[in-house]
C-alpha atoms as a PDB file:
ATOM      1  CA  MET A   1     -10.985   5.285 -48.795  1.00  0.00           C
ATOM      2  CA  SER A   2     -14.158   6.106 -46.972  1.00  0.00           C
ATOM      3  CA  ALA A   3     -14.930   2.427 -46.687  1.00  0.00           C
ATOM      4  CA  GLU A   4     -11.519   1.692 -45.232  1.00  0.00           C
ATOM      5  CA  LEU A   5     -11.917   4.595 -42.815  1.00  0.00           C
ATOM      6  CA  ALA A   6     -15.377   3.305 -41.749  1.00  0.00           C
ATOM      7  CA  THR A   7     -13.898  -0.187 -41.279  1.00  0.00           C
ATOM      8  CA  GLY A   8     -11.056   1.156 -39.153  1.00  0.00           C
ATOM      9  CA  VAL A   9     -13.454   3.201 -37.019  1.00  0.00           C
ATOM     10  CA  PHE A  10     -15.734   0.228 -36.448  1.00  0.00           C
ATOM     11  CA  SER A  11     -12.752  -2.022 -35.605  1.00  0.00           C
ATOM     12  CA  TRP A  12     -11.536   0.645 -33.074  1.00  0.00           C
ATOM     13  CA  LEU A  13     -15.003   0.839 -31.591  1.00  0.00           C
ATOM     14  CA  ARG A  14     -15.161  -2.900 -31.158  1.00  0.00           C
ATOM     15  CA  ARG A  15     -11.793  -3.042 -29.496  1.00  0.00           C
ATOM     16  CA  LEU A  16     -12.855  -0.132 -27.195  1.00  0.00           C
ATOM     17  CA  GLY A  17     -16.084  -1.878 -26.330  1.00  0.00           C
ATOM     18  CA  ALA A  18     -14.314  -5.118 -25.626  1.00  0.00           C
ATOM     19  CA  THR A  19     -11.882  -3.406 -23.329  1.00  0.00           C
ATOM     20  CA  VAL A  20     -14.588  -1.566 -21.442  1.00  0.00           C
ATOM     21  CA  THR A  21     -16.684  -4.690 -21.170  1.00  0.00           C
ATOM     22  CA  GLY A  22     -13.786  -6.742 -19.968  1.00  0.00           C
ATOM     23  CA  THR A  23     -12.712  -4.054 -17.342  1.00  0.00           C
ATOM     24  CA  VAL A  24     -16.251  -3.821 -16.010  1.00  0.00           C
ATOM     25  CA  GLY A  25     -16.474  -7.541 -15.848  1.00  0.00           C
ATOM     26  CA  LYS A  26     -13.259  -7.998 -13.985  1.00  0.00           C
ATOM     27  CA  LEU A  27     -14.185  -5.196 -11.499  1.00  0.00           C
ATOM     28  CA  GLY A  28     -17.482  -7.101 -10.893  1.00  0.00           C
ATOM     29  CA  TYR A  29     -15.578 -10.381 -10.331  1.00  0.00           C
ATOM     30  CA  ALA A  30     -13.025  -8.650  -8.054  1.00  0.00           C
ATOM     31  CA  SER A  31     -15.882  -7.177  -5.984  1.00  0.00           C
ATOM     32  CA  ARG A  32     -17.480 -10.614  -5.660  1.00  0.00           C
ATOM     33  CA  PHE A  33     -14.112 -12.067  -4.784  1.00  0.00           C
ATOM     34  CA  LEU A  34     -13.698  -9.481  -1.975  1.00  0.00           C
ATOM     35  CA  ILE A  35     -17.061 -10.321  -0.563  1.00  0.00           C
ATOM     36  CA  MET A  36     -16.138 -13.992  -0.584  1.00  0.00           C
ATOM     37  CA  VAL A  37     -12.946 -13.342   1.200  1.00  0.00           C
ATOM     38  CA  LEU A  38     -14.713 -11.293   3.884  1.00  0.00           C
ATOM     39  CA  VAL A  39     -17.328 -13.972   4.362  1.00  0.00           C
ATOM     40  CA  LEU A  40     -14.713 -16.641   4.750  1.00  0.00           C
ATOM     41  CA  SER A  41     -12.471 -14.565   6.917  1.00  0.00           C
ATOM     42  CA  PRO A  42     -13.579 -16.244  10.269  1.00  0.00           C
ATOM     43  CA  HIS A  43     -11.946 -19.463   8.975  1.00  0.00           C
ATOM     44  CA  ALA A  44      -8.651 -17.502   8.749  1.00  0.00           C
ATOM     45  CA  PHE A  45      -8.815 -16.326  12.341  1.00  0.00           C
ATOM     46  CA  ARG A  46      -9.925 -19.731  13.521  1.00  0.00           C
ATOM     47  CA  ARG A  47      -6.662 -21.023  12.186  1.00  0.00           C
ATOM     48  CA  LEU A  48      -4.675 -18.112  13.807  1.00  0.00           C
ATOM     49  CA  HIS A  49      -1.293 -19.666  13.020  1.00  0.00           C
ATOM     50  CA  LEU A  50      -1.920 -19.148   9.332  1.00  0.00           C
ATOM     51  CA  THR A  51      -2.700 -15.493   9.669  1.00  0.00           C
ATOM     52  CA  LEU A  52       0.314 -15.001  12.049  1.00  0.00           C
ATOM     53  CA  ARG A  53       2.579 -16.690   9.520  1.00  0.00           C
ATOM     54  CA  GLU A  54       1.450 -14.313   6.789  1.00  0.00           C
ATOM     55  CA  ILE A  55       1.831 -11.347   9.086  1.00  0.00           C
ATOM     56  CA  TYR A  56       5.431 -12.436   9.571  1.00  0.00           C
ATOM     57  CA  PHE A  57       5.830 -12.924   5.802  1.00  0.00           C
ATOM     58  CA  ALA A  58       4.246  -9.575   4.692  1.00  0.00           C
ATOM     59  CA  GLY A  59       5.329  -7.500   7.758  1.00  0.00           C
ATOM     60  CA  VAL A  60       8.418  -8.710   9.490  1.00  0.00           C
ATOM     61  CA  LEU A  61      10.234  -9.662   6.325  1.00  0.00           C
ATOM     62  CA  SER A  62       9.429  -6.169   4.960  1.00  0.00           C
ATOM     63  CA  LEU A  63      10.983  -4.411   7.949  1.00  0.00           C
ATOM     64  CA  VAL A  64      14.476  -3.931   6.486  1.00  0.00           C
ATOM     65  CA  ILE A  65      13.370  -2.017   3.391  1.00  0.00           C
ATOM     66  CA  ILE A  66      10.747  -0.008   5.271  1.00  0.00           C
ATOM     67  CA  LEU A  67      13.087   1.069   8.099  1.00  0.00           C
ATOM     68  CA  MET A  68      16.042   1.872   5.742  1.00  0.00           C
ATOM     69  CA  SER A  69      13.878   3.819   3.404  1.00  0.00           C
ATOM     70  CA  GLY A  70      12.162   5.672   6.266  1.00  0.00           C
ATOM     71  CA  LEU A  71      15.573   6.587   7.660  1.00  0.00           C
ATOM     72  CA  PHE A  72      16.867   8.030   4.381  1.00  0.00           C
ATOM     73  CA  VAL A  73      13.590   9.787   3.470  1.00  0.00           C
ATOM     74  CA  GLY A  74      13.671  11.466   6.872  1.00  0.00           C
ATOM     75  CA  MET A  75      17.282  12.597   6.319  1.00  0.00           C
ATOM     76  CA  VAL A  76      16.598  13.932   2.870  1.00  0.00           C
ATOM     77  CA  LEU A  77      13.471  15.694   4.019  1.00  0.00           C
ATOM     78  CA  SER A  78      15.417  17.255   6.933  1.00  0.00           C
ATOM     79  CA  LEU A  79      18.114  18.546   4.602  1.00  0.00           C
ATOM     80  CA  GLN A  80      15.593  19.878   2.092  1.00  0.00           C
ATOM     81  CA  GLY A  81      13.298  21.340   4.753  1.00  0.00           C
ATOM     82  CA  TYR A  82      15.951  23.125   6.630  1.00  0.00           C
ATOM     83  CA  GLU A  83      17.268  24.720   3.503  1.00  0.00           C
ATOM     84  CA  VAL A  84      13.847  26.189   2.740  1.00  0.00           C
ATOM     85  CA  LEU A  85      12.929  27.051   6.389  1.00  0.00           C
ATOM     86  CA  SER A  86      16.314  28.791   7.098  1.00  0.00           C
ATOM     87  CA  ARG A  87      15.525  31.311   4.330  1.00  0.00           C
ATOM     88  CA  TYR A  88      12.702  32.704   6.481  1.00  0.00           C
ATOM     89  CA  GLY A  89      14.416  32.330   9.856  1.00  0.00           C
ATOM     90  CA  ALA A  90      12.254  29.283  10.765  1.00  0.00           C
ATOM     91  CA  GLY A  91      14.920  26.595  11.073  1.00  0.00           C
ATOM     92  CA  GLU A  92      13.680  25.588  14.504  1.00  0.00           C
ATOM     93  CA  GLN A  93      10.335  24.559  12.915  1.00  0.00           C
ATOM     94  CA  LEU A  94      12.097  21.621  11.152  1.00  0.00           C
ATOM     95  CA  GLY A  95      10.729  19.091  13.692  1.00  0.00           C
ATOM     96  CA  ILE A  96       7.107  19.880  13.129  1.00  0.00           C
ATOM     97  CA  MET A  97       7.542  20.127   9.344  1.00  0.00           C
ATOM     98  CA  VAL A  98       9.146  16.676   9.120  1.00  0.00           C
ATOM     99  CA  ALA A  99       6.653  15.089  11.566  1.00  0.00           C
ATOM    100  CA  LEU A 100       3.599  16.415   9.743  1.00  0.00           C
ATOM    101  CA  SER A 101       4.959  15.478   6.332  1.00  0.00           C
ATOM    102  CA  LEU A 102       5.745  11.952   7.437  1.00  0.00           C
ATOM    103  CA  VAL A 103       2.654  11.176   9.637  1.00  0.00           C
ATOM    104  CA  ARG A 104       0.125  12.749   7.371  1.00  0.00           C
ATOM    105  CA  GLU A 105       1.430  11.948   3.886  1.00  0.00           C
ATOM    106  CA  LEU A 106       4.863  10.363   3.227  1.00  0.00           C
ATOM    107  CA  GLY A 107       4.641   7.666   5.812  1.00  0.00           C
ATOM    108  CA  PRO A 108       1.494   5.925   4.610  1.00  0.00           C
ATOM    109  CA  VAL A 109       2.130   6.608   0.888  1.00  0.00           C
ATOM    110  CA  VAL A 110       5.756   5.555   0.575  1.00  0.00           C
ATOM    111  CA  ALA A 111       5.330   2.629   2.976  1.00  0.00           C
ATOM    112  CA  GLY A 112       2.326   1.593   0.818  1.00  0.00           C
ATOM    113  CA  LEU A 113       4.342   1.727  -2.391  1.00  0.00           C
ATOM    114  CA  LEU A 114       7.152  -0.269  -0.796  1.00  0.00           C
ATOM    115  CA  PHE A 115       4.706  -2.817   0.638  1.00  0.00           C
ATOM    116  CA  ALA A 116       3.097  -3.250  -2.743  1.00  0.00           C
ATOM    117  CA  SER A 117       6.447  -3.776  -4.391  1.00  0.00           C
ATOM    118  CA  ARG A 118       7.813  -6.205  -1.915  1.00  0.00           C
ATOM    119  CA  ALA A 119       4.977  -8.042  -0.127  1.00  0.00           C
ATOM    120  CA  GLY A 120       2.189  -7.527  -2.683  1.00  0.00           C
ATOM    121  CA  SER A 121       4.120  -8.961  -5.601  1.00  0.00           C
ATOM    122  CA  ALA A 122       5.392 -11.885  -3.495  1.00  0.00           C
ATOM    123  CA  ILE A 123       1.798 -12.774  -2.391  1.00  0.00           C
ATOM    124  CA  THR A 124       0.573 -12.557  -6.059  1.00  0.00           C
ATOM    125  CA  ALA A 125       3.451 -14.770  -7.236  1.00  0.00           C
ATOM    126  CA  GLU A 126       2.935 -17.271  -4.452  1.00  0.00           C
ATOM    127  CA  ILE A 127      -0.770 -17.772  -5.125  1.00  0.00           C
ATOM    128  CA  GLY A 128      -0.193 -17.735  -8.849  1.00  0.00           C
ATOM    129  CA  LEU A 129       2.359 -20.533  -8.563  1.00  0.00           C
ATOM    130  CA  MET A 130       0.009 -22.564  -6.412  1.00  0.00           C
ATOM    131  CA  LYS A 131      -2.581 -22.245  -9.122  1.00  0.00           C
ATOM    132  CA  THR A 132      -0.030 -23.131 -11.796  1.00  0.00           C
ATOM    133  CA  THR A 133       1.070 -26.295  -9.954  1.00  0.00           C
ATOM    134  CA  GLU A 134      -2.627 -27.212  -9.327  1.00  0.00           C
ATOM    135  CA  GLN A 135      -2.339 -26.986  -5.569  1.00  0.00           C
ATOM    136  CA  LEU A 136      -5.561 -24.900  -5.354  1.00  0.00           C
ATOM    137  CA  ALA A 137      -7.328 -27.497  -7.525  1.00  0.00           C
ATOM    138  CA  ALA A 138      -5.948 -30.289  -5.230  1.00  0.00           C
ATOM    139  CA  MET A 139      -7.385 -28.506  -2.191  1.00  0.00           C
ATOM    140  CA  GLU A 140     -10.799 -28.256  -3.890  1.00  0.00           C
ATOM    141  CA  MET A 141     -10.613 -31.967  -4.591  1.00  0.00           C
ATOM    142  CA  MET A 142     -10.020 -32.580  -0.890  1.00  0.00           C
ATOM    143  CA  ALA A 143     -13.028 -30.395   0.051  1.00  0.00           C
ATOM    144  CA  VAL A 144     -10.834 -27.584   1.340  1.00  0.00           C
ATOM    145  CA  ASP A 145     -11.816 -24.098   0.207  1.00  0.00           C
ATOM    146  CA  PRO A 146      -8.683 -22.432  -1.165  1.00  0.00           C
ATOM    147  CA  VAL A 147     -10.062 -18.983  -0.496  1.00  0.00           C
ATOM    148  CA  ALA A 148     -10.428 -19.705   3.246  1.00  0.00           C
ATOM    149  CA  ARG A 149      -7.187 -21.622   3.448  1.00  0.00           C
ATOM    150  CA  VAL A 150      -4.898 -19.671   1.236  1.00  0.00           C
ATOM    151  CA  VAL A 151      -6.408 -16.317   0.282  1.00  0.00           C
ATOM    152  CA  ALA A 152      -7.995 -15.046   3.495  1.00  0.00           C
ATOM    153  CA  PRO A 153      -4.903 -15.436   5.748  1.00  0.00           C
ATOM    154  CA  ARG A 154      -2.762 -13.547   3.179  1.00  0.00           C
ATOM    155  CA  PHE A 155      -5.410 -10.840   2.831  1.00  0.00           C
ATOM    156  CA  TRP A 156      -5.609 -10.188   6.547  1.00  0.00           C
ATOM    157  CA  GLY A 157      -1.826 -10.581   6.952  1.00  0.00           C
ATOM    158  CA  GLY A 158      -1.344  -7.636   4.527  1.00  0.00           C
ATOM    159  CA  VAL A 159      -4.184  -5.568   6.063  1.00  0.00           C
ATOM    160  CA  ILE A 160      -2.744  -5.909   9.603  1.00  0.00           C
ATOM    161  CA  SER A 161       0.823  -5.454   8.602  1.00  0.00           C
ATOM    162  CA  MET A 162       0.459  -2.254   6.541  1.00  0.00           C
ATOM    163  CA  PRO A 163      -0.509   0.270   9.306  1.00  0.00           C
ATOM    164  CA  LEU A 164       2.313  -1.131  11.548  1.00  0.00           C
ATOM    165  CA  LEU A 165       4.878  -0.698   8.690  1.00  0.00           C
ATOM    166  CA  ALA A 166       3.618   2.773   7.984  1.00  0.00           C
ATOM    167  CA  ALA A 167       4.062   3.761  11.651  1.00  0.00           C
ATOM    168  CA  LEU A 168       7.546   2.376  11.722  1.00  0.00           C
ATOM    169  CA  PHE A 169       8.344   4.224   8.555  1.00  0.00           C
ATOM    170  CA  SER A 170       7.319   7.504  10.029  1.00  0.00           C
ATOM    171  CA  ALA A 171       9.038   6.800  13.320  1.00  0.00           C
ATOM    172  CA  MET A 172      12.355   5.947  11.530  1.00  0.00           C
ATOM    173  CA  GLY A 173      11.917   9.062   9.299  1.00  0.00           C
ATOM    174  CA  ILE A 174      11.616  11.348  12.305  1.00  0.00           C
ATOM    175  CA  PHE A 175      14.648   9.710  13.777  1.00  0.00           C
ATOM    176  CA  GLY A 176      16.619  10.282  10.561  1.00  0.00           C
ATOM    177  CA  ALA A 177      15.539  13.896  10.677  1.00  0.00           C
ATOM    178  CA  TYR A 178      16.732  14.155  14.181  1.00  0.00           C
ATOM    179  CA  ILE A 179      20.145  12.782  13.206  1.00  0.00           C
ATOM    180  CA  VAL A 180      20.607  15.395  10.427  1.00  0.00           C
ATOM    181  CA  GLY A 181      18.777  18.322  11.976  1.00  0.00           C
ATOM    182  CA  VAL A 182      20.068  18.115  15.562  1.00  0.00           C
ATOM    183  CA  ARG A 183      23.339  16.150  15.286  1.00  0.00           C
ATOM    184  CA  LEU A 184      24.670  17.444  11.942  1.00  0.00           C
ATOM    185  CA  ILE A 185      23.058  20.845  11.357  1.00  0.00           C
ATOM    186  CA  GLY A 186      22.988  21.838  15.027  1.00  0.00           C
ATOM    187  CA  ILE A 187      19.301  22.632  15.710  1.00  0.00           C
ATOM    188  CA  ASP A 188      18.468  22.754  19.370  1.00  0.00           C
ATOM    189  CA  ALA A 189      17.167  19.352  20.432  1.00  0.00           C
ATOM    190  CA  GLY A 190      14.623  20.853  22.845  1.00  0.00           C
ATOM    191  CA  ALA A 191      13.269  23.129  20.072  1.00  0.00           C
ATOM    192  CA  PHE A 192      13.194  20.157  17.585  1.00  0.00           C
ATOM    193  CA  TRP A 193      11.118  17.926  19.971  1.00  0.00           C
ATOM    194  CA  GLY A 194       9.159  20.622  21.640  1.00  0.00           C
ATOM    195  CA  GLN A 195       7.817  22.121  18.282  1.00  0.00           C
ATOM    196  CA  MET A 196       6.931  18.664  17.164  1.00  0.00           C
ATOM    197  CA  GLN A 197       5.074  17.798  20.381  1.00  0.00           C
ATOM    198  CA  ALA A 198       3.186  21.067  20.316  1.00  0.00           C
ATOM    199  CA  GLY A 199       2.289  21.101  16.561  1.00  0.00           C
ATOM    200  CA  VAL A 200       1.346  17.403  15.957  1.00  0.00           C
ATOM    201  CA  ASP A 201      -1.998  16.379  17.284  1.00  0.00           C
ATOM    202  CA  PHE A 202      -3.408  12.870  17.523  1.00  0.00           C
ATOM    203  CA  TRP A 203      -6.547  14.115  15.782  1.00  0.00           C
ATOM    204  CA  PRO A 204      -6.459  14.866  12.954  1.00  0.00           C
ATOM    205  CA  ASP A 205      -2.734  14.419  12.112  1.00  0.00           C
ATOM    206  CA  VAL A 206      -1.881  10.991  13.427  1.00  0.00           C
ATOM    207  CA  THR A 207      -5.481   9.586  12.911  1.00  0.00           C
ATOM    208  CA  ASN A 208      -5.468  10.697   9.227  1.00  0.00           C
ATOM    209  CA  GLY A 209      -2.154   8.824   8.674  1.00  0.00           C
ATOM    210  CA  ILE A 210      -3.649   5.692  10.338  1.00  0.00           C
ATOM    211  CA  ILE A 211      -6.803   5.785   8.236  1.00  0.00           C
ATOM    212  CA  LYS A 212      -4.743   6.150   5.051  1.00  0.00           C
ATOM    213  CA  SER A 213      -2.495   3.194   5.965  1.00  0.00           C
ATOM    214  CA  VAL A 214      -5.395   1.008   6.674  1.00  0.00           C
ATOM    215  CA  VAL A 215      -7.168   1.819   3.366  1.00  0.00           C
ATOM    216  CA  PHE A 216      -3.817   1.314   1.530  1.00  0.00           C
ATOM    217  CA  GLY A 217      -3.367  -2.073   3.209  1.00  0.00           C
ATOM    218  CA  LEU A 218      -6.896  -3.115   2.221  1.00  0.00           C
ATOM    219  CA  ALA A 219      -6.396  -2.040  -1.375  1.00  0.00           C
ATOM    220  CA  VAL A 220      -2.902  -3.625  -1.890  1.00  0.00           C
ATOM    221  CA  SER A 221      -3.944  -6.841  -0.172  1.00  0.00           C
ATOM    222  CA  ILE A 222      -7.166  -7.436  -2.205  1.00  0.00           C
ATOM    223  CA  ILE A 223      -5.355  -6.614  -5.438  1.00  0.00           C
ATOM    224  CA  SER A 224      -2.436  -8.908  -4.601  1.00  0.00           C
ATOM    225  CA  VAL A 225      -4.630 -11.943  -3.707  1.00  0.00           C
ATOM    226  CA  PHE A 226      -7.019 -11.370  -6.557  1.00  0.00           C
ATOM    227  CA  GLU A 227      -4.399 -11.087  -9.247  1.00  0.00           C
ATOM    228  CA  GLY A 228      -2.709 -14.227  -7.928  1.00  0.00           C
ATOM    229  CA  TYR A 229      -5.968 -16.093  -7.769  1.00  0.00           C
ATOM    230  CA  ASP A 230      -7.046 -14.848 -11.210  1.00  0.00           C
ATOM    231  CA  ALA A 231      -3.644 -15.425 -12.953  1.00  0.00           C
ATOM    232  CA  LYS A 232      -3.377 -17.626 -15.892  1.00  0.00           C
ATOM    233  CA  PRO A 233      -1.760 -21.006 -14.860  1.00  0.00           C
ATOM    234  CA  THR A 234       1.423 -20.375 -16.894  1.00  0.00           C
ATOM    235  CA  ALA A 235       4.830 -18.781 -16.146  1.00  0.00           C
ATOM    236  CA  GLU A 236       3.900 -15.842 -18.344  1.00  0.00           C
ATOM    237  CA  GLY A 237       0.519 -15.492 -16.617  1.00  0.00           C
ATOM    238  CA  VAL A 238       2.111 -15.397 -13.177  1.00  0.00           C
ATOM    239  CA  SER A 239       4.713 -12.795 -14.408  1.00  0.00           C
ATOM    240  CA  SER A 240       1.952 -10.662 -15.844  1.00  0.00           C
ATOM    241  CA  ALA A 241      -0.146 -10.876 -12.738  1.00  0.00           C
ATOM    242  CA  THR A 242       2.804  -9.911 -10.520  1.00  0.00           C
ATOM    243  CA  THR A 243       3.499  -6.908 -12.709  1.00  0.00           C
ATOM    244  CA  ARG A 244      -0.174  -5.909 -12.683  1.00  0.00           C
ATOM    245  CA  THR A 245      -0.182  -6.044  -8.874  1.00  0.00           C
ATOM    246  CA  VAL A 246       2.579  -3.591  -8.537  1.00  0.00           C
ATOM    247  CA  VAL A 247       1.198  -1.218 -11.190  1.00  0.00           C
ATOM    248  CA  ILE A 248      -2.424  -1.319 -10.128  1.00  0.00           C
ATOM    249  CA  SER A 249      -1.555  -1.133  -6.374  1.00  0.00           C
ATOM    250  CA  SER A 250       0.729   1.908  -6.916  1.00  0.00           C
ATOM    251  CA  LEU A 251      -1.855   3.739  -8.947  1.00  0.00           C
ATOM    252  CA  ALA A 252      -4.662   2.832  -6.394  1.00  0.00           C
ATOM    253  CA  ILE A 253      -2.507   4.178  -3.538  1.00  0.00           C
ATOM    254  CA  LEU A 254      -1.892   7.506  -5.231  1.00  0.00           C
ATOM    255  CA  ALA A 255      -5.521   7.846  -6.319  1.00  0.00           C
ATOM    256  CA  LEU A 256      -6.943   6.934  -2.926  1.00  0.00           C
ATOM    257  CA  ASP A 257      -4.368   9.282  -1.313  1.00  0.00           C
ATOM    258  CA  PHE A 258      -5.742  12.203  -3.378  1.00  0.00           C
ATOM    259  CA  VAL A 259      -9.360  11.362  -2.555  1.00  0.00           C
ATOM    260  CA  MET A 260      -8.812  10.904   1.187  1.00  0.00           C
ATOM    261  CA  THR A 261      -6.538  13.948   1.486  1.00  0.00           C
ATOM    262  CA  ALA A 262      -9.269  16.109  -0.212  1.00  0.00           C
ATOM    263  CA  PHE A 263     -11.970  14.854   2.215  1.00  0.00           C
ATOM    264  CA  MET A 264      -9.647  15.090   5.237  1.00  0.00           C
ATOM    265  CA  PHE A 265      -8.536  18.686   4.507  1.00  0.00           C
ATOM    266  CA  ARG A 266     -12.154  19.678   3.875  1.00  0.00           C
ATOM    267  CA  GLY A 267     -13.105  18.158   7.212  1.00  0.00           C
ATOM    268  CA  ILE A 268     -10.201  20.175   8.929  1.00  0.00           C
ATOM    269  CA  GLY A 269     -11.258  23.374   7.236  1.00  0.00           C
ATOM    270  CA  ALA A 270     -14.894  22.899   8.385  1.00  0.00           C
END
């Protein structure tokens, strides 16, 4: 029994070691891949039409889900917020509560999650299918660097699109809160906009949201292009890479949000 137990423990330790070694190795490969993308980025901007096409693909084609989600999030936030604020006779503060919640937190985070689900997964699937059909290998045979031609434009298309989508999400959320708070509930429009204008500052409120959205865009974009480029050239491999993109991007957004919020609030308190 003890021999079987020892064998099981050693087997578990081997699997654990293999998992840790594989994860560290993949992180190292991903870091080297990011450096390669950044080094080859000038080629992407030299062929500006490629980057513009990816901005359209990642940004413009994501507008519907971003705008509609922002509208409904703002409406729900307005209903829930007014129910809580009215208990303390502070219903007129609804505008500033909604604006701060969206600009500081919900706008970048929810937009990032939606961006990862819609655009990130599509980028991974597209690059993975190009690898499966040997289009990337064909580019290498023709002396065309696939990282510069395929990966870099998609990376920067996501990085540029994400802050703009987050800003539109927050704006649409505020509009949804206005519809519910002013038009349906009956809050004074002057108080709604006046409290918001007086309480929301460009620094640190809006700036913090911009920083978060840029960081989320970088994280989602590099995860998407790396998983697609590293996918196994099979249908199952592309499917697994797409799933990993959504899962890892979502976890990365939430983890980065916590870290940045902790630093930002500490800076505000100082």
